[in-house]
Amino acid sequence: MRTVIDIDKELLQVAQDELGTSSMKETVHVALVEVAERAKRREAFEYWTSRDNTDLLDPEIMKGAF
């Protein structure tokens, strides 16, 4: 999908430096992927912190997990 938007050149450069991307298209794509993955991590964190997970803090139970 082709979309025309105004992008702050300084912010684009910061994002490119941070993400290691070289083109505007690649930078926008990688940034969108990063945001989507961050949302998934937040949802997982909220899921696990909203339940009784005291077993996760028990070293005896968790020693076989890794």
PDB file of N, CA and C in Angstrom:
ATOM      1  N   MET A   1       0.847  -1.168   0.000  1.00  0.00           N
ATOM      2  CA  MET A   1       0.000   0.000   0.000  1.00  0.00           C
ATOM      3  C   MET A   1       0.895   1.234   0.000  1.00  0.00           C
ATOM      4  N   ARG A   2       0.648   2.104  -0.896  1.00  0.00           N
ATOM      5  CA  ARG A   2       1.425   3.336  -0.985  1.00  0.00           C
ATOM      6  C   ARG A   2       0.660   4.437  -0.265  1.00  0.00           C
ATOM      7  N   THR A   3       1.365   5.134   0.629  1.00  0.00           N
ATOM      8  CA  THR A   3       0.788   6.225   1.401  1.00  0.00           C
ATOM      9  C   THR A   3       1.781   7.370   1.441  1.00  0.00           C
ATOM     10  N   VAL A   4       1.276   8.568   1.324  1.00  0.00           N
ATOM     11  CA  VAL A   4       2.135   9.750   1.390  1.00  0.00           C
ATOM     12  C   VAL A   4       1.958  10.389   2.761  1.00  0.00           C
ATOM     13  N   ILE A   5       3.087  10.545   3.485  1.00  0.00           N
ATOM     14  CA  ILE A   5       3.050  11.190   4.793  1.00  0.00           C
ATOM     15  C   ILE A   5       4.278  12.085   4.945  1.00  0.00           C
ATOM     16  N   ASP A   6       4.160  13.069   5.813  1.00  0.00           N
ATOM     17  CA  ASP A   6       5.304  13.919   6.148  1.00  0.00           C
ATOM     18  C   ASP A   6       6.018  13.280   7.338  1.00  0.00           C
ATOM     19  N   ILE A   7       7.334  13.111   7.204  1.00  0.00           N
ATOM     20  CA  ILE A   7       8.127  12.518   8.270  1.00  0.00           C
ATOM     21  C   ILE A   7       9.228  13.491   8.651  1.00  0.00           C
ATOM     22  N   ASP A   8       9.362  13.731   9.944  1.00  0.00           N
ATOM     23  CA  ASP A   8      10.413  14.602  10.464  1.00  0.00           C
ATOM     24  C   ASP A   8      11.769  13.978  10.126  1.00  0.00           C
ATOM     25  N   LYS A   9      12.593  14.691   9.382  1.00  0.00           N
ATOM     26  CA  LYS A   9      13.883  14.149   8.931  1.00  0.00           C
ATOM     27  C   LYS A   9      14.822  13.827  10.089  1.00  0.00           C
ATOM     28  N   GLU A  10      14.801  14.645  11.120  1.00  0.00           N
ATOM     29  CA  GLU A  10      15.667  14.378  12.275  1.00  0.00           C
ATOM     30  C   GLU A  10      15.234  13.106  12.998  1.00  0.00           C
ATOM     31  N   LEU A  11      13.921  12.940  13.182  1.00  0.00           N
ATOM     32  CA  LEU A  11      13.424  11.723  13.833  1.00  0.00           C
ATOM     33  C   LEU A  11      13.699  10.497  12.972  1.00  0.00           C
ATOM     34  N   LEU A  12      13.566  10.643  11.670  1.00  0.00           N
ATOM     35  CA  LEU A  12      13.875   9.538  10.760  1.00  0.00           C
ATOM     36  C   LEU A  12      15.333   9.131  10.906  1.00  0.00           C
ATOM     37  N   GLN A  13      16.226  10.091  10.978  1.00  0.00           N
ATOM     38  CA  GLN A  13      17.649   9.790  11.108  1.00  0.00           C
ATOM     39  C   GLN A  13      17.950   9.086  12.431  1.00  0.00           C
ATOM     40  N   VAL A  14      17.327   9.544  13.496  1.00  0.00           N
ATOM     41  CA  VAL A  14      17.502   8.894  14.801  1.00  0.00           C
ATOM     42  C   VAL A  14      17.011   7.452  14.723  1.00  0.00           C
ATOM     43  N   ALA A  15      15.842   7.252  14.113  1.00  0.00           N
ATOM     44  CA  ALA A  15      15.293   5.900  13.985  1.00  0.00           C
ATOM     45  C   ALA A  15      16.198   5.023  13.127  1.00  0.00           C
ATOM     46  N   GLN A  16      16.713   5.565  12.037  1.00  0.00           N
ATOM     47  CA  GLN A  16      17.615   4.789  11.186  1.00  0.00           C
ATOM     48  C   GLN A  16      18.882   4.398  11.931  1.00  0.00           C
ATOM     49  N   ASP A  17      19.423   5.321  12.674  1.00  0.00           N
ATOM     50  CA  ASP A  17      20.628   5.016  13.458  1.00  0.00           C
ATOM     51  C   ASP A  17      20.346   3.932  14.497  1.00  0.00           C
ATOM     52  N   GLU A  18      19.218   4.043  15.161  1.00  0.00           N
ATOM     53  CA  GLU A  18      18.859   3.098  16.215  1.00  0.00           C
ATOM     54  C   GLU A  18      18.534   1.716  15.647  1.00  0.00           C
ATOM     55  N   LEU A  19      17.838   1.683  14.518  1.00  0.00           N
ATOM     56  CA  LEU A  19      17.382   0.425  13.947  1.00  0.00           C
ATOM     57  C   LEU A  19      18.375  -0.189  12.966  1.00  0.00           C
ATOM     58  N   GLY A  20      19.363   0.598  12.561  1.00  0.00           N
ATOM     59  CA  GLY A  20      20.343   0.103  11.598  1.00  0.00           C
ATOM     60  C   GLY A  20      19.780  -0.042  10.200  1.00  0.00           C
ATOM     61  N   THR A  21      18.837   0.808   9.859  1.00  0.00           N
ATOM     62  CA  THR A  21      18.220   0.765   8.533  1.00  0.00           C
ATOM     63  C   THR A  21      18.768   1.884   7.670  1.00  0.00           C
ATOM     64  N   SER A  22      18.589   1.740   6.350  1.00  0.00           N
ATOM     65  CA  SER A  22      19.171   2.749   5.465  1.00  0.00           C
ATOM     66  C   SER A  22      18.146   3.507   4.638  1.00  0.00           C
ATOM     67  N   SER A  23      16.980   2.942   4.436  1.00  0.00           N
ATOM     68  CA  SER A  23      15.980   3.645   3.636  1.00  0.00           C
ATOM     69  C   SER A  23      14.789   4.034   4.506  1.00  0.00           C
ATOM     70  N   MET A  24      14.029   5.002   4.029  1.00  0.00           N
ATOM     71  CA  MET A  24      12.847   5.446   4.760  1.00  0.00           C
ATOM     72  C   MET A  24      11.835   4.307   4.851  1.00  0.00           C
ATOM     73  N   LYS A  25      11.626   3.604   3.756  1.00  0.00           N
ATOM     74  CA  LYS A  25      10.657   2.512   3.732  1.00  0.00           C
ATOM     75  C   LYS A  25      11.043   1.422   4.734  1.00  0.00           C
ATOM     76  N   GLU A  26      12.304   1.033   4.718  1.00  0.00           N
ATOM     77  CA  GLU A  26      12.774   0.003   5.643  1.00  0.00           C
ATOM     78  C   GLU A  26      12.640   0.464   7.089  1.00  0.00           C
ATOM     79  N   THR A  27      12.973   1.711   7.341  1.00  0.00           N
ATOM     80  CA  THR A  27      12.899   2.252   8.699  1.00  0.00           C
ATOM     81  C   THR A  27      11.475   2.238   9.218  1.00  0.00           C
ATOM     82  N   VAL A  28      10.547   2.692   8.406  1.00  0.00           N
ATOM     83  CA  VAL A  28       9.144   2.711   8.825  1.00  0.00           C
ATOM     84  C   VAL A  28       8.658   1.286   9.065  1.00  0.00           C
ATOM     85  N   HIS A  29       9.017   0.361   8.177  1.00  0.00           N
ATOM     86  CA  HIS A  29       8.588  -1.028   8.333  1.00  0.00           C
ATOM     87  C   HIS A  29       9.140  -1.636   9.627  1.00  0.00           C
ATOM     88  N   VAL A  30      10.438  -1.484   9.848  1.00  0.00           N
ATOM     89  CA  VAL A  30      11.059  -2.060  11.044  1.00  0.00           C
ATOM     90  C   VAL A  30      10.481  -1.413  12.305  1.00  0.00           C
ATOM     91  N   ALA A  31      10.239  -0.113  12.268  1.00  0.00           N
ATOM     92  CA  ALA A  31       9.661   0.571  13.429  1.00  0.00           C
ATOM     93  C   ALA A  31       8.262   0.043  13.724  1.00  0.00           C
ATOM     94  N   LEU A  32       7.462  -0.192  12.685  1.00  0.00           N
ATOM     95  CA  LEU A  32       6.121  -0.734  12.896  1.00  0.00           C
ATOM     96  C   LEU A  32       6.183  -2.149  13.459  1.00  0.00           C
ATOM     97  N   VAL A  33       7.104  -2.950  12.987  1.00  0.00           N
ATOM     98  CA  VAL A  33       7.289  -4.306  13.521  1.00  0.00           C
ATOM     99  C   VAL A  33       7.679  -4.229  14.999  1.00  0.00           C
ATOM    100  N   GLU A  34       8.603  -3.321  15.330  1.00  0.00           N
ATOM    101  CA  GLU A  34       9.043  -3.161  16.726  1.00  0.00           C
ATOM    102  C   GLU A  34       7.869  -2.790  17.628  1.00  0.00           C
ATOM    103  N   VAL A  35       7.019  -1.889  17.173  1.00  0.00           N
ATOM    104  CA  VAL A  35       5.866  -1.470  17.981  1.00  0.00           C
ATOM    105  C   VAL A  35       4.885  -2.623  18.159  1.00  0.00           C
ATOM    106  N   ALA A  36       4.648  -3.375  17.091  1.00  0.00           N
ATOM    107  CA  ALA A  36       3.737  -4.522  17.185  1.00  0.00           C
ATOM    108  C   ALA A  36       4.279  -5.577  18.153  1.00  0.00           C
ATOM    109  N   GLU A  37       5.583  -5.839  18.097  1.00  0.00           N
ATOM    110  CA  GLU A  37       6.191  -6.812  19.004  1.00  0.00           C
ATOM    111  C   GLU A  37       6.156  -6.308  20.441  1.00  0.00           C
ATOM    112  N   ARG A  38       6.355  -5.010  20.619  1.00  0.00           N
ATOM    113  CA  ARG A  38       6.286  -4.436  21.967  1.00  0.00           C
ATOM    114  C   ARG A  38       4.889  -4.617  22.548  1.00  0.00           C
ATOM    115  N   ALA A  39       3.866  -4.438  21.709  1.00  0.00           N
ATOM    116  CA  ALA A  39       2.489  -4.627  22.167  1.00  0.00           C
ATOM    117  C   ALA A  39       2.258  -6.072  22.594  1.00  0.00           C
ATOM    118  N   LYS A  40       2.808  -7.031  21.829  1.00  0.00           N
ATOM    119  CA  LYS A  40       2.665  -8.442  22.197  1.00  0.00           C
ATOM    120  C   LYS A  40       3.367  -8.737  23.521  1.00  0.00           C
ATOM    121  N   ARG A  41       4.553  -8.151  23.719  1.00  0.00           N
ATOM    122  CA  ARG A  41       5.272  -8.365  24.977  1.00  0.00           C
ATOM    123  C   ARG A  41       4.497  -7.773  26.148  1.00  0.00           C
ATOM    124  N   ARG A  42       3.912  -6.594  25.952  1.00  0.00           N
ATOM    125  CA  ARG A  42       3.133  -5.959  27.008  1.00  0.00           C
ATOM    126  C   ARG A  42       1.917  -6.809  27.357  1.00  0.00           C
ATOM    127  N   GLU A  43       1.235  -7.333  26.342  1.00  0.00           N
ATOM    128  CA  GLU A  43       0.073  -8.182  26.583  1.00  0.00           C
ATOM    129  C   GLU A  43       0.470  -9.439  27.358  1.00  0.00           C
ATOM    130  N   ALA A  44       1.591 -10.039  26.985  1.00  0.00           N
ATOM    131  CA  ALA A  44       2.063 -11.235  27.695  1.00  0.00           C
ATOM    132  C   ALA A  44       2.415 -10.895  29.138  1.00  0.00           C
ATOM    133  N   PHE A  45       3.084  -9.774  29.339  1.00  0.00           N
ATOM    134  CA  PHE A  45       3.443  -9.347  30.696  1.00  0.00           C
ATOM    135  C   PHE A  45       2.194  -9.135  31.534  1.00  0.00           C
ATOM    136  N   GLU A  46       1.203  -8.439  30.966  1.00  0.00           N
ATOM    137  CA  GLU A  46      -0.039  -8.191  31.696  1.00  0.00           C
ATOM    138  C   GLU A  46      -0.764  -9.497  32.010  1.00  0.00           C
ATOM    139  N   TYR A  47      -0.723 -10.433  31.075  1.00  0.00           N
ATOM    140  CA  TYR A  47      -1.358 -11.732  31.304  1.00  0.00           C
ATOM    141  C   TYR A  47      -0.712 -12.439  32.495  1.00  0.00           C
ATOM    142  N   TRP A  48       0.613 -12.536  32.480  1.00  0.00           N
ATOM    143  CA  TRP A  48       1.302 -13.294  33.525  1.00  0.00           C
ATOM    144  C   TRP A  48       1.307 -12.575  34.867  1.00  0.00           C
ATOM    145  N   THR A  49       1.279 -11.257  34.876  1.00  0.00           N
ATOM    146  CA  THR A  49       1.279 -10.547  36.161  1.00  0.00           C
ATOM    147  C   THR A  49      -0.114 -10.439  36.764  1.00  0.00           C
ATOM    148  N   SER A  50      -1.136 -10.795  36.009  1.00  0.00           N
ATOM    149  CA  SER A  50      -2.495 -10.714  36.552  1.00  0.00           C
ATOM    150  C   SER A  50      -2.967 -12.045  37.128  1.00  0.00           C
ATOM    151  N   ARG A  51      -2.097 -13.045  37.164  1.00  0.00           N
ATOM    152  CA  ARG A  51      -2.449 -14.352  37.680  1.00  0.00           C
ATOM    153  C   ARG A  51      -1.581 -14.718  38.879  1.00  0.00           C
ATOM    154  N   ASP A  52      -1.994 -15.734  39.586  1.00  0.00           N
ATOM    155  CA  ASP A  52      -1.201 -16.219  40.713  1.00  0.00           C
ATOM    156  C   ASP A  52      -0.050 -17.056  40.163  1.00  0.00           C
ATOM    157  N   ASN A  53       1.106 -16.463  40.099  1.00  0.00           N
ATOM    158  CA  ASN A  53       2.276 -17.137  39.545  1.00  0.00           C
ATOM    159  C   ASN A  53       3.362 -17.308  40.604  1.00  0.00           C
ATOM    160  N   THR A  54       2.961 -17.625  41.815  1.00  0.00           N
ATOM    161  CA  THR A  54       3.949 -17.769  42.883  1.00  0.00           C
ATOM    162  C   THR A  54       4.933 -18.899  42.596  1.00  0.00           C
ATOM    163  N   ASP A  55       4.519 -19.881  41.773  1.00  0.00           N
ATOM    164  CA  ASP A  55       5.438 -20.959  41.407  1.00  0.00           C
ATOM    165  C   ASP A  55       6.657 -20.415  40.660  1.00  0.00           C
ATOM    166  N   LEU A  56       6.471 -19.341  39.917  1.00  0.00           N
ATOM    167  CA  LEU A  56       7.585 -18.763  39.156  1.00  0.00           C
ATOM    168  C   LEU A  56       8.674 -18.216  40.070  1.00  0.00           C
ATOM    169  N   LEU A  57       8.325 -17.948  41.308  1.00  0.00           N
ATOM    170  CA  LEU A  57       9.296 -17.423  42.267  1.00  0.00           C
ATOM    171  C   LEU A  57       9.932 -18.512  43.120  1.00  0.00           C
ATOM    172  N   ASP A  58       9.488 -19.746  42.940  1.00  0.00           N
ATOM    173  CA  ASP A  58      10.002 -20.863  43.730  1.00  0.00           C
ATOM    174  C   ASP A  58      11.192 -21.490  43.006  1.00  0.00           C
ATOM    175  N   PRO A  59      12.413 -21.313  43.523  1.00  0.00           N
ATOM    176  CA  PRO A  59      13.607 -21.837  42.850  1.00  0.00           C
ATOM    177  C   PRO A  59      13.569 -23.348  42.641  1.00  0.00           C
ATOM    178  N   GLU A  60      12.980 -24.069  43.572  1.00  0.00           N
ATOM    179  CA  GLU A  60      12.913 -25.527  43.449  1.00  0.00           C
ATOM    180  C   GLU A  60      12.051 -25.934  42.245  1.00  0.00           C
ATOM    181  N   ILE A  61      10.960 -25.268  42.061  1.00  0.00           N
ATOM    182  CA  ILE A  61      10.077 -25.560  40.931  1.00  0.00           C
ATOM    183  C   ILE A  61      10.715 -25.105  39.627  1.00  0.00           C
ATOM    184  N   MET A  62      11.348 -23.965  39.634  1.00  0.00           N
ATOM    185  CA  MET A  62      11.874 -23.374  38.410  1.00  0.00           C
ATOM    186  C   MET A  62      13.233 -23.930  37.970  1.00  0.00           C
ATOM    187  N   LYS A  63      13.898 -24.707  38.819  1.00  0.00           N
ATOM    188  CA  LYS A  63      15.251 -25.166  38.453  1.00  0.00           C
ATOM    189  C   LYS A  63      15.264 -26.015  37.187  1.00  0.00           C
ATOM    190  N   GLY A  64      14.188 -26.696  36.881  1.00  0.00           N
ATOM    191  CA  GLY A  64      14.125 -27.502  35.670  1.00  0.00           C
ATOM    192  C   GLY A  64      13.647 -26.739  34.453  1.00  0.00           C
ATOM    193  N   ALA A  65      13.320 -25.477  34.625  1.00  0.00           N
ATOM    194  CA  ALA A  65      12.763 -24.705  33.514  1.00  0.00           C
ATOM    195  C   ALA A  65      13.813 -24.225  32.537  1.00  0.00           C
ATOM    196  N   PHE A  66      15.049 -24.170  32.968  1.00  0.00           N
ATOM    197  CA  PHE A  66      16.071 -23.593  32.085  1.00  0.00           C
ATOM    198  C   PHE A  66      17.071 -24.597  31.676  1.00  0.00           C
TER     199      PHE A  66
END
